[in-house]
Amino acid sequence: MAYQHESLAAGRWRTMTLAEQMGNIGSEVNRMLSWGKRHQYEQQEKSFVRMLELLDFTLDDDRWRGPRRKEIARVREALCDSFTGGIMGGPLSSWPRYFDAFAFFARSKK
């Protein structure tokens, strides 16, 4: 299978903490929103696919079993809903705030 994030798929993703993983997913969410604001919808969709790939890497990480995995799966579901205009996930513009908390936490631990 071809991955957008080859080095992460090769194992680097599993060396990151959950906060680092979620912060990186948030970076892709921010890119997705940026492309949408510029009406670059093809690029926005590519960012969306990369974001899903990162979420899937996180879901496949055996360290996040039980409630954590369920929450990550819910985030994935809600983001998909937001991207397709649904109401469950809320507006796409609300997601950076959720992911920023992880990025700030990850940076504070370095």
PDB file of N, CA and C in Angstrom:
ATOM      1  N   MET A   1       0.843  -1.183   0.000  1.00  0.00           N
ATOM      2  CA  MET A   1       0.000   0.000   0.000  1.00  0.00           C
ATOM      3  C   MET A   1       0.889   1.246   0.000  1.00  0.00           C
ATOM      4  N   ALA A   2       0.529   2.206  -0.794  1.00  0.00           N
ATOM      5  CA  ALA A   2       1.283   3.462  -0.868  1.00  0.00           C
ATOM      6  C   ALA A   2       0.721   4.439   0.169  1.00  0.00           C
ATOM      7  N   TYR A   3       1.632   5.014   0.930  1.00  0.00           N
ATOM      8  CA  TYR A   3       1.246   5.979   1.959  1.00  0.00           C
ATOM      9  C   TYR A   3       1.719   7.368   1.567  1.00  0.00           C
ATOM     10  N   GLN A   4       0.987   8.367   1.996  1.00  0.00           N
ATOM     11  CA  GLN A   4       1.413   9.748   1.824  1.00  0.00           C
ATOM     12  C   GLN A   4       2.568  10.060   2.775  1.00  0.00           C
ATOM     13  N   HIS A   5       2.521   9.450   3.940  1.00  0.00           N
ATOM     14  CA  HIS A   5       3.517   9.673   4.984  1.00  0.00           C
ATOM     15  C   HIS A   5       4.351   8.397   5.139  1.00  0.00           C
ATOM     16  N   GLU A   6       5.252   8.153   4.201  1.00  0.00           N
ATOM     17  CA  GLU A   6       6.034   6.910   4.175  1.00  0.00           C
ATOM     18  C   GLU A   6       6.854   6.691   5.440  1.00  0.00           C
ATOM     19  N   SER A   7       7.592   7.715   5.892  1.00  0.00           N
ATOM     20  CA  SER A   7       8.458   7.524   7.059  1.00  0.00           C
ATOM     21  C   SER A   7       7.635   7.279   8.324  1.00  0.00           C
ATOM     22  N   LEU A   8       6.471   7.886   8.397  1.00  0.00           N
ATOM     23  CA  LEU A   8       5.613   7.662   9.556  1.00  0.00           C
ATOM     24  C   LEU A   8       5.024   6.258   9.520  1.00  0.00           C
ATOM     25  N   ALA A   9       4.651   5.810   8.333  1.00  0.00           N
ATOM     26  CA  ALA A   9       4.099   4.464   8.183  1.00  0.00           C
ATOM     27  C   ALA A   9       5.148   3.408   8.507  1.00  0.00           C
ATOM     28  N   ALA A  10       6.411   3.728   8.274  1.00  0.00           N
ATOM     29  CA  ALA A  10       7.497   2.779   8.511  1.00  0.00           C
ATOM     30  C   ALA A  10       7.796   2.591   9.997  1.00  0.00           C
ATOM     31  N   GLY A  11       7.134   3.315  10.855  1.00  0.00           N
ATOM     32  CA  GLY A  11       7.306   3.099  12.284  1.00  0.00           C
ATOM     33  C   GLY A  11       7.559   4.342  13.110  1.00  0.00           C
ATOM     34  N   ARG A  12       7.918   5.438  12.467  1.00  0.00           N
ATOM     35  CA  ARG A  12       8.219   6.653  13.233  1.00  0.00           C
ATOM     36  C   ARG A  12       6.990   7.160  13.999  1.00  0.00           C
ATOM     37  N   TRP A  13       5.800   6.955  13.449  1.00  0.00           N
ATOM     38  CA  TRP A  13       4.570   7.415  14.091  1.00  0.00           C
ATOM     39  C   TRP A  13       4.412   6.791  15.477  1.00  0.00           C
ATOM     40  N   ARG A  14       4.801   5.536  15.607  1.00  0.00           N
ATOM     41  CA  ARG A  14       4.634   4.824  16.879  1.00  0.00           C
ATOM     42  C   ARG A  14       5.657   5.221  17.930  1.00  0.00           C
ATOM     43  N   THR A  15       6.594   6.065  17.563  1.00  0.00           N
ATOM     44  CA  THR A  15       7.545   6.568  18.561  1.00  0.00           C
ATOM     45  C   THR A  15       7.041   7.851  19.210  1.00  0.00           C
ATOM     46  N   MET A  16       5.967   8.404  18.679  1.00  0.00           N
ATOM     47  CA  MET A  16       5.410   9.653  19.192  1.00  0.00           C
ATOM     48  C   MET A  16       4.399   9.373  20.302  1.00  0.00           C
ATOM     49  N   THR A  17       4.266  10.345  21.197  1.00  0.00           N
ATOM     50  CA  THR A  17       3.223  10.262  22.221  1.00  0.00           C
ATOM     51  C   THR A  17       1.874  10.523  21.558  1.00  0.00           C
ATOM     52  N   LEU A  18       0.816  10.234  22.284  1.00  0.00           N
ATOM     53  CA  LEU A  18      -0.520  10.507  21.759  1.00  0.00           C
ATOM     54  C   LEU A  18      -0.684  12.000  21.484  1.00  0.00           C
ATOM     55  N   ALA A  19      -0.181  12.833  22.375  1.00  0.00           N
ATOM     56  CA  ALA A  19      -0.285  14.289  22.179  1.00  0.00           C
ATOM     57  C   ALA A  19       0.452  14.714  20.910  1.00  0.00           C
ATOM     58  N   GLU A  20       1.619  14.140  20.652  1.00  0.00           N
ATOM     59  CA  GLU A  20       2.363  14.481  19.432  1.00  0.00           C
ATOM     60  C   GLU A  20       1.616  14.009  18.186  1.00  0.00           C
ATOM     61  N   GLN A  21       1.060  12.815  18.259  1.00  0.00           N
ATOM     62  CA  GLN A  21       0.291  12.311  17.122  1.00  0.00           C
ATOM     63  C   GLN A  21      -0.908  13.213  16.833  1.00  0.00           C
ATOM     64  N   MET A  22      -1.660  13.537  17.868  1.00  0.00           N
ATOM     65  CA  MET A  22      -2.850  14.368  17.675  1.00  0.00           C
ATOM     66  C   MET A  22      -2.470  15.781  17.235  1.00  0.00           C
ATOM     67  N   GLY A  23      -1.370  16.297  17.739  1.00  0.00           N
ATOM     68  CA  GLY A  23      -0.898  17.611  17.299  1.00  0.00           C
ATOM     69  C   GLY A  23      -0.538  17.614  15.818  1.00  0.00           C
ATOM     70  N   ASN A  24       0.082  16.536  15.353  1.00  0.00           N
ATOM     71  CA  ASN A  24       0.408  16.429  13.933  1.00  0.00           C
ATOM     72  C   ASN A  24      -0.842  16.293  13.070  1.00  0.00           C
ATOM     73  N   ILE A  25      -1.815  15.576  13.564  1.00  0.00           N
ATOM     74  CA  ILE A  25      -3.096  15.482  12.854  1.00  0.00           C
ATOM     75  C   ILE A  25      -3.716  16.873  12.762  1.00  0.00           C
ATOM     76  N   GLY A  26      -3.618  17.623  13.851  1.00  0.00           N
ATOM     77  CA  GLY A  26      -4.135  18.991  13.859  1.00  0.00           C
ATOM     78  C   GLY A  26      -3.454  19.878  12.833  1.00  0.00           C
ATOM     79  N   SER A  27      -2.167  19.668  12.603  1.00  0.00           N
ATOM     80  CA  SER A  27      -1.464  20.444  11.571  1.00  0.00           C
ATOM     81  C   SER A  27      -2.070  20.181  10.202  1.00  0.00           C
ATOM     82  N   GLU A  28      -2.427  18.945   9.961  1.00  0.00           N
ATOM     83  CA  GLU A  28      -3.056  18.603   8.678  1.00  0.00           C
ATOM     84  C   GLU A  28      -4.455  19.197   8.595  1.00  0.00           C
ATOM     85  N   VAL A  29      -5.161  19.241   9.713  1.00  0.00           N
ATOM     86  CA  VAL A  29      -6.485  19.891   9.751  1.00  0.00           C
ATOM     87  C   VAL A  29      -6.331  21.369   9.406  1.00  0.00           C
ATOM     88  N   ASN A  30      -5.325  22.020   9.978  1.00  0.00           N
ATOM     89  CA  ASN A  30      -5.096  23.439   9.678  1.00  0.00           C
ATOM     90  C   ASN A  30      -4.771  23.645   8.203  1.00  0.00           C
ATOM     91  N   ARG A  31      -3.970  22.753   7.620  1.00  0.00           N
ATOM     92  CA  ARG A  31      -3.679  22.856   6.182  1.00  0.00           C
ATOM     93  C   ARG A  31      -4.952  22.688   5.360  1.00  0.00           C
ATOM     94  N   MET A  32      -5.783  21.739   5.768  1.00  0.00           N
ATOM     95  CA  MET A  32      -7.036  21.491   5.065  1.00  0.00           C
ATOM     96  C   MET A  32      -7.919  22.740   5.080  1.00  0.00           C
ATOM     97  N   LEU A  33      -8.013  23.376   6.238  1.00  0.00           N
ATOM     98  CA  LEU A  33      -8.815  24.594   6.351  1.00  0.00           C
ATOM     99  C   LEU A  33      -8.223  25.731   5.523  1.00  0.00           C
ATOM    100  N   SER A  34      -6.916  25.843   5.522  1.00  0.00           N
ATOM    101  CA  SER A  34      -6.244  26.891   4.757  1.00  0.00           C
ATOM    102  C   SER A  34      -6.517  26.746   3.264  1.00  0.00           C
ATOM    103  N   TRP A  35      -6.438  25.511   2.766  1.00  0.00           N
ATOM    104  CA  TRP A  35      -6.735  25.288   1.348  1.00  0.00           C
ATOM    105  C   TRP A  35      -8.195  25.638   1.038  1.00  0.00           C
ATOM    106  N   GLY A  36      -9.087  25.299   1.937  1.00  0.00           N
ATOM    107  CA  GLY A  36     -10.499  25.609   1.717  1.00  0.00           C
ATOM    108  C   GLY A  36     -10.762  27.112   1.662  1.00  0.00           C
ATOM    109  N   LYS A  37     -10.092  27.872   2.527  1.00  0.00           N
ATOM    110  CA  LYS A  37     -10.263  29.332   2.528  1.00  0.00           C
ATOM    111  C   LYS A  37      -9.790  29.951   1.217  1.00  0.00           C
ATOM    112  N   ARG A  38      -8.823  29.285   0.585  1.00  0.00           N
ATOM    113  CA  ARG A  38      -8.300  29.798  -0.693  1.00  0.00           C
ATOM    114  C   ARG A  38      -9.027  29.191  -1.903  1.00  0.00           C
ATOM    115  N   HIS A  39     -10.099  28.462  -1.616  1.00  0.00           N
ATOM    116  CA  HIS A  39     -10.909  27.825  -2.659  1.00  0.00           C
ATOM    117  C   HIS A  39     -10.099  26.845  -3.502  1.00  0.00           C
ATOM    118  N   GLN A  40      -9.108  26.237  -2.888  1.00  0.00           N
ATOM    119  CA  GLN A  40      -8.286  25.213  -3.535  1.00  0.00           C
ATOM    120  C   GLN A  40      -8.806  23.857  -3.061  1.00  0.00           C
ATOM    121  N   TYR A  41      -9.956  23.457  -3.610  1.00  0.00           N
ATOM    122  CA  TYR A  41     -10.676  22.316  -3.070  1.00  0.00           C
ATOM    123  C   TYR A  41      -9.996  20.979  -3.362  1.00  0.00           C
ATOM    124  N   GLU A  42      -9.275  20.900  -4.446  1.00  0.00           N
ATOM    125  CA  GLU A  42      -8.533  19.672  -4.730  1.00  0.00           C
ATOM    126  C   GLU A  42      -7.431  19.475  -3.682  1.00  0.00           C
ATOM    127  N   GLN A  43      -6.716  20.556  -3.369  1.00  0.00           N
ATOM    128  CA  GLN A  43      -5.683  20.489  -2.338  1.00  0.00           C
ATOM    129  C   GLN A  43      -6.295  20.230  -0.959  1.00  0.00           C
ATOM    130  N   GLN A  44      -7.452  20.813  -0.724  1.00  0.00           N
ATOM    131  CA  GLN A  44      -8.140  20.600   0.547  1.00  0.00           C
ATOM    132  C   GLN A  44      -8.492  19.120   0.711  1.00  0.00           C
ATOM    133  N   GLU A  45      -8.974  18.511  -0.341  1.00  0.00           N
ATOM    134  CA  GLU A  45      -9.328  17.092  -0.273  1.00  0.00           C
ATOM    135  C   GLU A  45      -8.083  16.227  -0.051  1.00  0.00           C
ATOM    136  N   LYS A  46      -6.974  16.586  -0.674  1.00  0.00           N
ATOM    137  CA  LYS A  46      -5.730  15.837  -0.464  1.00  0.00           C
ATOM    138  C   LYS A  46      -5.280  15.942   0.991  1.00  0.00           C
ATOM    139  N   SER A  47      -5.432  17.110   1.573  1.00  0.00           N
ATOM    140  CA  SER A  47      -5.102  17.295   2.985  1.00  0.00           C
ATOM    141  C   SER A  47      -6.023  16.449   3.862  1.00  0.00           C
ATOM    142  N   PHE A  48      -7.281  16.405   3.492  1.00  0.00           N
ATOM    143  CA  PHE A  48      -8.251  15.594   4.224  1.00  0.00           C
ATOM    144  C   PHE A  48      -7.836  14.121   4.216  1.00  0.00           C
ATOM    145  N   VAL A  49      -7.413  13.632   3.051  1.00  0.00           N
ATOM    146  CA  VAL A  49      -6.981  12.232   2.935  1.00  0.00           C
ATOM    147  C   VAL A  49      -5.733  11.991   3.790  1.00  0.00           C
ATOM    148  N   ARG A  50      -4.794  12.939   3.784  1.00  0.00           N
ATOM    149  CA  ARG A  50      -3.595  12.786   4.623  1.00  0.00           C
ATOM    150  C   ARG A  50      -3.959  12.786   6.105  1.00  0.00           C
ATOM    151  N   MET A  51      -4.911  13.625   6.478  1.00  0.00           N
ATOM    152  CA  MET A  51      -5.365  13.674   7.867  1.00  0.00           C
ATOM    153  C   MET A  51      -5.972  12.334   8.268  1.00  0.00           C
ATOM    154  N   LEU A  52      -6.783  11.755   7.389  1.00  0.00           N
ATOM    155  CA  LEU A  52      -7.374  10.452   7.684  1.00  0.00           C
ATOM    156  C   LEU A  52      -6.296   9.381   7.820  1.00  0.00           C
ATOM    157  N   GLU A  53      -5.277   9.463   6.985  1.00  0.00           N
ATOM    158  CA  GLU A  53      -4.183   8.503   7.072  1.00  0.00           C
ATOM    159  C   GLU A  53      -3.517   8.581   8.453  1.00  0.00           C
ATOM    160  N   LEU A  54      -3.251   9.784   8.918  1.00  0.00           N
ATOM    161  CA  LEU A  54      -2.632   9.957  10.235  1.00  0.00           C
ATOM    162  C   LEU A  54      -3.547   9.448  11.349  1.00  0.00           C
ATOM    163  N   LEU A  55      -4.827   9.727  11.237  1.00  0.00           N
ATOM    164  CA  LEU A  55      -5.775   9.209  12.231  1.00  0.00           C
ATOM    165  C   LEU A  55      -5.786   7.684  12.212  1.00  0.00           C
ATOM    166  N   ASP A  56      -5.712   7.100  11.030  1.00  0.00           N
ATOM    167  CA  ASP A  56      -5.686   5.640  10.930  1.00  0.00           C
ATOM    168  C   ASP A  56      -4.414   5.065  11.534  1.00  0.00           C
ATOM    169  N   PHE A  57      -3.273   5.739  11.339  1.00  0.00           N
ATOM    170  CA  PHE A  57      -2.038   5.302  11.992  1.00  0.00           C
ATOM    171  C   PHE A  57      -2.224   5.301  13.515  1.00  0.00           C
ATOM    172  N   THR A  58      -2.879   6.330  14.019  1.00  0.00           N
ATOM    173  CA  THR A  58      -3.108   6.434  15.458  1.00  0.00           C
ATOM    174  C   THR A  58      -4.055   5.332  15.931  1.00  0.00           C
ATOM    175  N   LEU A  59      -5.093   5.075  15.173  1.00  0.00           N
ATOM    176  CA  LEU A  59      -6.028   4.004  15.538  1.00  0.00           C
ATOM    177  C   LEU A  59      -5.346   2.634  15.526  1.00  0.00           C
ATOM    178  N   ASP A  60      -4.369   2.456  14.651  1.00  0.00           N
ATOM    179  CA  ASP A  60      -3.650   1.180  14.556  1.00  0.00           C
ATOM    180  C   ASP A  60      -2.566   1.027  15.616  1.00  0.00           C
ATOM    181  N   ASP A  61      -2.287   2.070  16.361  1.00  0.00           N
ATOM    182  CA  ASP A  61      -1.251   2.034  17.390  1.00  0.00           C
ATOM    183  C   ASP A  61      -1.798   1.284  18.611  1.00  0.00           C
ATOM    184  N   ASP A  62      -1.197   0.144  18.904  1.00  0.00           N
ATOM    185  CA  ASP A  62      -1.694  -0.712  19.990  1.00  0.00           C
ATOM    186  C   ASP A  62      -1.601  -0.089  21.377  1.00  0.00           C
ATOM    187  N   ARG A  63      -0.846   0.985  21.516  1.00  0.00           N
ATOM    188  CA  ARG A  63      -0.762   1.639  22.821  1.00  0.00           C
ATOM    189  C   ARG A  63      -2.070   2.298  23.217  1.00  0.00           C
ATOM    190  N   TRP A  64      -2.908   2.622  22.236  1.00  0.00           N
ATOM    191  CA  TRP A  64      -4.129   3.377  22.520  1.00  0.00           C
ATOM    192  C   TRP A  64      -5.348   2.463  22.465  1.00  0.00           C
ATOM    193  N   ARG A  65      -5.389   1.486  23.334  1.00  0.00           N
ATOM    194  CA  ARG A  65      -6.527   0.560  23.408  1.00  0.00           C
ATOM    195  C   ARG A  65      -7.632   1.138  24.281  1.00  0.00           C
ATOM    196  N   GLY A  66      -8.791   0.511  24.195  1.00  0.00           N
ATOM    197  CA  GLY A  66      -9.904   0.859  25.078  1.00  0.00           C
ATOM    198  C   GLY A  66     -10.487   2.232  24.815  1.00  0.00           C
ATOM    199  N   PRO A  67     -10.733   3.004  25.886  1.00  0.00           N
ATOM    200  CA  PRO A  67     -11.406   4.300  25.742  1.00  0.00           C
ATOM    201  C   PRO A  67     -10.659   5.273  24.830  1.00  0.00           C
ATOM    202  N   ARG A  68      -9.334   5.243  24.860  1.00  0.00           N
ATOM    203  CA  ARG A  68      -8.576   6.157  23.982  1.00  0.00           C
ATOM    204  C   ARG A  68      -8.875   5.866  22.518  1.00  0.00           C
ATOM    205  N   ARG A  69      -8.836   4.597  22.156  1.00  0.00           N
ATOM    206  CA  ARG A  69      -9.096   4.231  20.761  1.00  0.00           C
ATOM    207  C   ARG A  69     -10.516   4.615  20.362  1.00  0.00           C
ATOM    208  N   LYS A  70     -11.461   4.409  21.263  1.00  0.00           N
ATOM    209  CA  LYS A  70     -12.849   4.788  20.966  1.00  0.00           C
ATOM    210  C   LYS A  70     -12.961   6.285  20.710  1.00  0.00           C
ATOM    211  N   GLU A  71     -12.275   7.071  21.530  1.00  0.00           N
ATOM    212  CA  GLU A  71     -12.321   8.532  21.365  1.00  0.00           C
ATOM    213  C   GLU A  71     -11.683   8.945  20.036  1.00  0.00           C
ATOM    214  N   ILE A  72     -10.568   8.326  19.693  1.00  0.00           N
ATOM    215  CA  ILE A  72      -9.900   8.633  18.420  1.00  0.00           C
ATOM    216  C   ILE A  72     -10.817   8.273  17.260  1.00  0.00           C
ATOM    217  N   ALA A  73     -11.506   7.139  17.362  1.00  0.00           N
ATOM    218  CA  ALA A  73     -12.445   6.731  16.302  1.00  0.00           C
ATOM    219  C   ALA A  73     -13.606   7.723  16.204  1.00  0.00           C
ATOM    220  N   ARG A  74     -14.053   8.221  17.338  1.00  0.00           N
ATOM    221  CA  ARG A  74     -15.135   9.227  17.323  1.00  0.00           C
ATOM    222  C   ARG A  74     -14.668  10.531  16.675  1.00  0.00           C
ATOM    223  N   VAL A  75     -13.435  10.916  16.964  1.00  0.00           N
ATOM    224  CA  VAL A  75     -12.871  12.117  16.347  1.00  0.00           C
ATOM    225  C   VAL A  75     -12.834  11.938  14.831  1.00  0.00           C
ATOM    226  N   ARG A  76     -12.385  10.773  14.373  1.00  0.00           N
ATOM    227  CA  ARG A  76     -12.321  10.498  12.934  1.00  0.00           C
ATOM    228  C   ARG A  76     -13.712  10.604  12.304  1.00  0.00           C
ATOM    229  N   GLU A  77     -14.682   9.981  12.962  1.00  0.00           N
ATOM    230  CA  GLU A  77     -16.056  10.008  12.467  1.00  0.00           C
ATOM    231  C   GLU A  77     -16.603  11.443  12.406  1.00  0.00           C
ATOM    232  N   ALA A  78     -16.370  12.204  13.467  1.00  0.00           N
ATOM    233  CA  ALA A  78     -16.880  13.578  13.523  1.00  0.00           C
ATOM    234  C   ALA A  78     -16.189  14.470  12.495  1.00  0.00           C
ATOM    235  N   LEU A  79     -14.883  14.271  12.288  1.00  0.00           N
ATOM    236  CA  LEU A  79     -14.176  15.059  11.267  1.00  0.00           C
ATOM    237  C   LEU A  79     -14.710  14.754   9.873  1.00  0.00           C
ATOM    238  N   CYS A  80     -14.968  13.493   9.601  1.00  0.00           N
ATOM    239  CA  CYS A  80     -15.552  13.128   8.300  1.00  0.00           C
ATOM    240  C   CYS A  80     -16.909  13.794   8.132  1.00  0.00           C
ATOM    241  N   ASP A  81     -17.700  13.794   9.197  1.00  0.00           N
ATOM    242  CA  ASP A  81     -19.009  14.436   9.157  1.00  0.00           C
ATOM    243  C   ASP A  81     -18.864  15.936   8.904  1.00  0.00           C
ATOM    244  N   SER A  82     -17.923  16.568   9.585  1.00  0.00           N
ATOM    245  CA  SER A  82     -17.698  18.006   9.395  1.00  0.00           C
ATOM    246  C   SER A  82     -17.278  18.312   7.965  1.00  0.00           C
ATOM    247  N   PHE A  83     -16.381  17.487   7.435  1.00  0.00           N
ATOM    248  CA  PHE A  83     -15.865  17.734   6.083  1.00  0.00           C
ATOM    249  C   PHE A  83     -16.965  17.612   5.036  1.00  0.00           C
ATOM    250  N   THR A  84     -17.916  16.718   5.277  1.00  0.00           N
ATOM    251  CA  THR A  84     -18.987  16.512   4.299  1.00  0.00           C
ATOM    252  C   THR A  84     -20.203  17.386   4.575  1.00  0.00           C
ATOM    253  N   GLY A  85     -20.081  18.303   5.540  1.00  0.00           N
ATOM    254  CA  GLY A  85     -21.164  19.252   5.791  1.00  0.00           C
ATOM    255  C   GLY A  85     -22.217  18.776   6.764  1.00  0.00           C
ATOM    256  N   GLY A  86     -21.946  17.703   7.471  1.00  0.00           N
ATOM    257  CA  GLY A  86     -22.900  17.200   8.456  1.00  0.00           C
ATOM    258  C   GLY A  86     -22.952  18.091   9.684  1.00  0.00           C
ATOM    259  N   ILE A  87     -23.848  17.752  10.583  1.00  0.00           N
ATOM    260  CA  ILE A  87     -24.007  18.582  11.783  1.00  0.00           C
ATOM    261  C   ILE A  87     -23.413  17.949  13.036  1.00  0.00           C
ATOM    262  N   MET A  88     -23.154  16.638  13.012  1.00  0.00           N
ATOM    263  CA  MET A  88     -22.647  15.962  14.204  1.00  0.00           C
ATOM    264  C   MET A  88     -21.280  16.509  14.625  1.00  0.00           C
ATOM    265  N   GLY A  89     -20.383  16.682  13.657  1.00  0.00           N
ATOM    266  CA  GLY A  89     -19.026  17.110  13.966  1.00  0.00           C
ATOM    267  C   GLY A  89     -18.866  18.603  14.119  1.00  0.00           C
ATOM    268  N   GLY A  90     -19.904  19.345  13.827  1.00  0.00           N
ATOM    269  CA  GLY A  90     -19.815  20.800  13.895  1.00  0.00           C
ATOM    270  C   GLY A  90     -19.057  21.357  12.702  1.00  0.00           C
ATOM    271  N   PRO A  91     -18.859  22.659  12.687  1.00  0.00           N
ATOM    272  CA  PRO A  91     -18.152  23.269  11.555  1.00  0.00           C
ATOM    273  C   PRO A  91     -16.669  22.893  11.561  1.00  0.00           C
ATOM    274  N   LEU A  92     -16.104  22.774  10.384  1.00  0.00           N
ATOM    275  CA  LEU A  92     -14.673  22.461  10.279  1.00  0.00           C
ATOM    276  C   LEU A  92     -13.826  23.465  11.039  1.00  0.00           C
ATOM    277  N   SER A  93     -14.262  24.699  11.038  1.00  0.00           N
ATOM    278  CA  SER A  93     -13.481  25.767  11.679  1.00  0.00           C
ATOM    279  C   SER A  93     -13.334  25.576  13.194  1.00  0.00           C
ATOM    280  N   SER A  94     -14.124  24.694  13.791  1.00  0.00           N
ATOM    281  CA  SER A  94     -14.025  24.482  15.238  1.00  0.00           C
ATOM    282  C   SER A  94     -12.944  23.470  15.619  1.00  0.00           C
ATOM    283  N   TRP A  95     -12.413  22.735  14.658  1.00  0.00           N
ATOM    284  CA  TRP A  95     -11.480  21.658  14.963  1.00  0.00           C
ATOM    285  C   TRP A  95     -10.076  22.097  15.367  1.00  0.00           C
ATOM    286  N   PRO A  96      -9.519  23.169  14.849  1.00  0.00           N
ATOM    287  CA  PRO A  96      -8.164  23.532  15.282  1.00  0.00           C
ATOM    288  C   PRO A  96      -8.039  23.705  16.790  1.00  0.00           C
ATOM    289  N   ARG A  97      -9.038  24.256  17.416  1.00  0.00           N
ATOM    290  CA  ARG A  97      -8.986  24.465  18.866  1.00  0.00           C
ATOM    291  C   ARG A  97      -8.838  23.132  19.611  1.00  0.00           C
ATOM    292  N   TYR A  98      -9.539  22.111  19.138  1.00  0.00           N
ATOM    293  CA  TYR A  98      -9.450  20.783  19.746  1.00  0.00           C
ATOM    294  C   TYR A  98      -8.017  20.245  19.630  1.00  0.00           C
ATOM    295  N   PHE A  99      -7.454  20.310  18.434  1.00  0.00           N
ATOM    296  CA  PHE A  99      -6.129  19.737  18.203  1.00  0.00           C
ATOM    297  C   PHE A  99      -5.008  20.604  18.775  1.00  0.00           C
ATOM    298  N   ASP A 100      -5.212  21.898  18.838  1.00  0.00           N
ATOM    299  CA  ASP A 100      -4.179  22.783  19.382  1.00  0.00           C
ATOM    300  C   ASP A 100      -3.827  22.431  20.825  1.00  0.00           C
ATOM    301  N   ALA A 101      -4.808  21.993  21.578  1.00  0.00           N
ATOM    302  CA  ALA A 101      -4.546  21.614  22.971  1.00  0.00           C
ATOM    303  C   ALA A 101      -3.510  20.485  23.037  1.00  0.00           C
ATOM    304  N   PHE A 102      -3.602  19.534  22.122  1.00  0.00           N
ATOM    305  CA  PHE A 102      -2.630  18.438  22.084  1.00  0.00           C
ATOM    306  C   PHE A 102      -1.248  18.953  21.698  1.00  0.00           C
ATOM    307  N   ALA A 103      -1.213  19.825  20.693  1.00  0.00           N
ATOM    308  CA  ALA A 103       0.079  20.363  20.243  1.00  0.00           C
ATOM    309  C   ALA A 103       0.755  21.161  21.356  1.00  0.00           C
ATOM    310  N   PHE A 104      -0.008  21.989  22.064  1.00  0.00           N
ATOM    311  CA  PHE A 104       0.556  22.777  23.166  1.00  0.00           C
ATOM    312  C   PHE A 104       1.085  21.866  24.271  1.00  0.00           C
ATOM    313  N   PHE A 105       0.323  20.819  24.584  1.00  0.00           N
ATOM    314  CA  PHE A 105       0.740  19.881  25.625  1.00  0.00           C
ATOM    315  C   PHE A 105       2.026  19.166  25.206  1.00  0.00           C
ATOM    316  N   ALA A 106       2.086  18.698  23.965  1.00  0.00           N
ATOM    317  CA  ALA A 106       3.264  17.983  23.483  1.00  0.00           C
ATOM    318  C   ALA A 106       4.493  18.882  23.539  1.00  0.00           C
ATOM    319  N   ARG A 107       4.339  20.138  23.150  1.00  0.00           N
ATOM    320  CA  ARG A 107       5.477  21.074  23.180  1.00  0.00           C
ATOM    321  C   ARG A 107       5.902  21.399  24.607  1.00  0.00           C
ATOM    322  N   SER A 108       4.958  21.415  25.519  1.00  0.00           N
ATOM    323  CA  SER A 108       5.315  21.741  26.903  1.00  0.00           C
ATOM    324  C   SER A 108       6.119  20.625  27.566  1.00  0.00           C
ATOM    325  N   LYS A 109       6.077  19.434  27.009  1.00  0.00           N
ATOM    326  CA  LYS A 109       6.789  18.295  27.575  1.00  0.00           C
ATOM    327  C   LYS A 109       8.185  18.127  27.002  1.00  0.00           C
ATOM    328  N   LYS A 110       8.577  18.995  26.072  1.00  0.00           N
ATOM    329  CA  LYS A 110       9.915  18.872  25.453  1.00  0.00           C
ATOM    330  C   LYS A 110      10.906  19.764  26.125  1.00  0.00           C
TER     331      LYS A 110
END
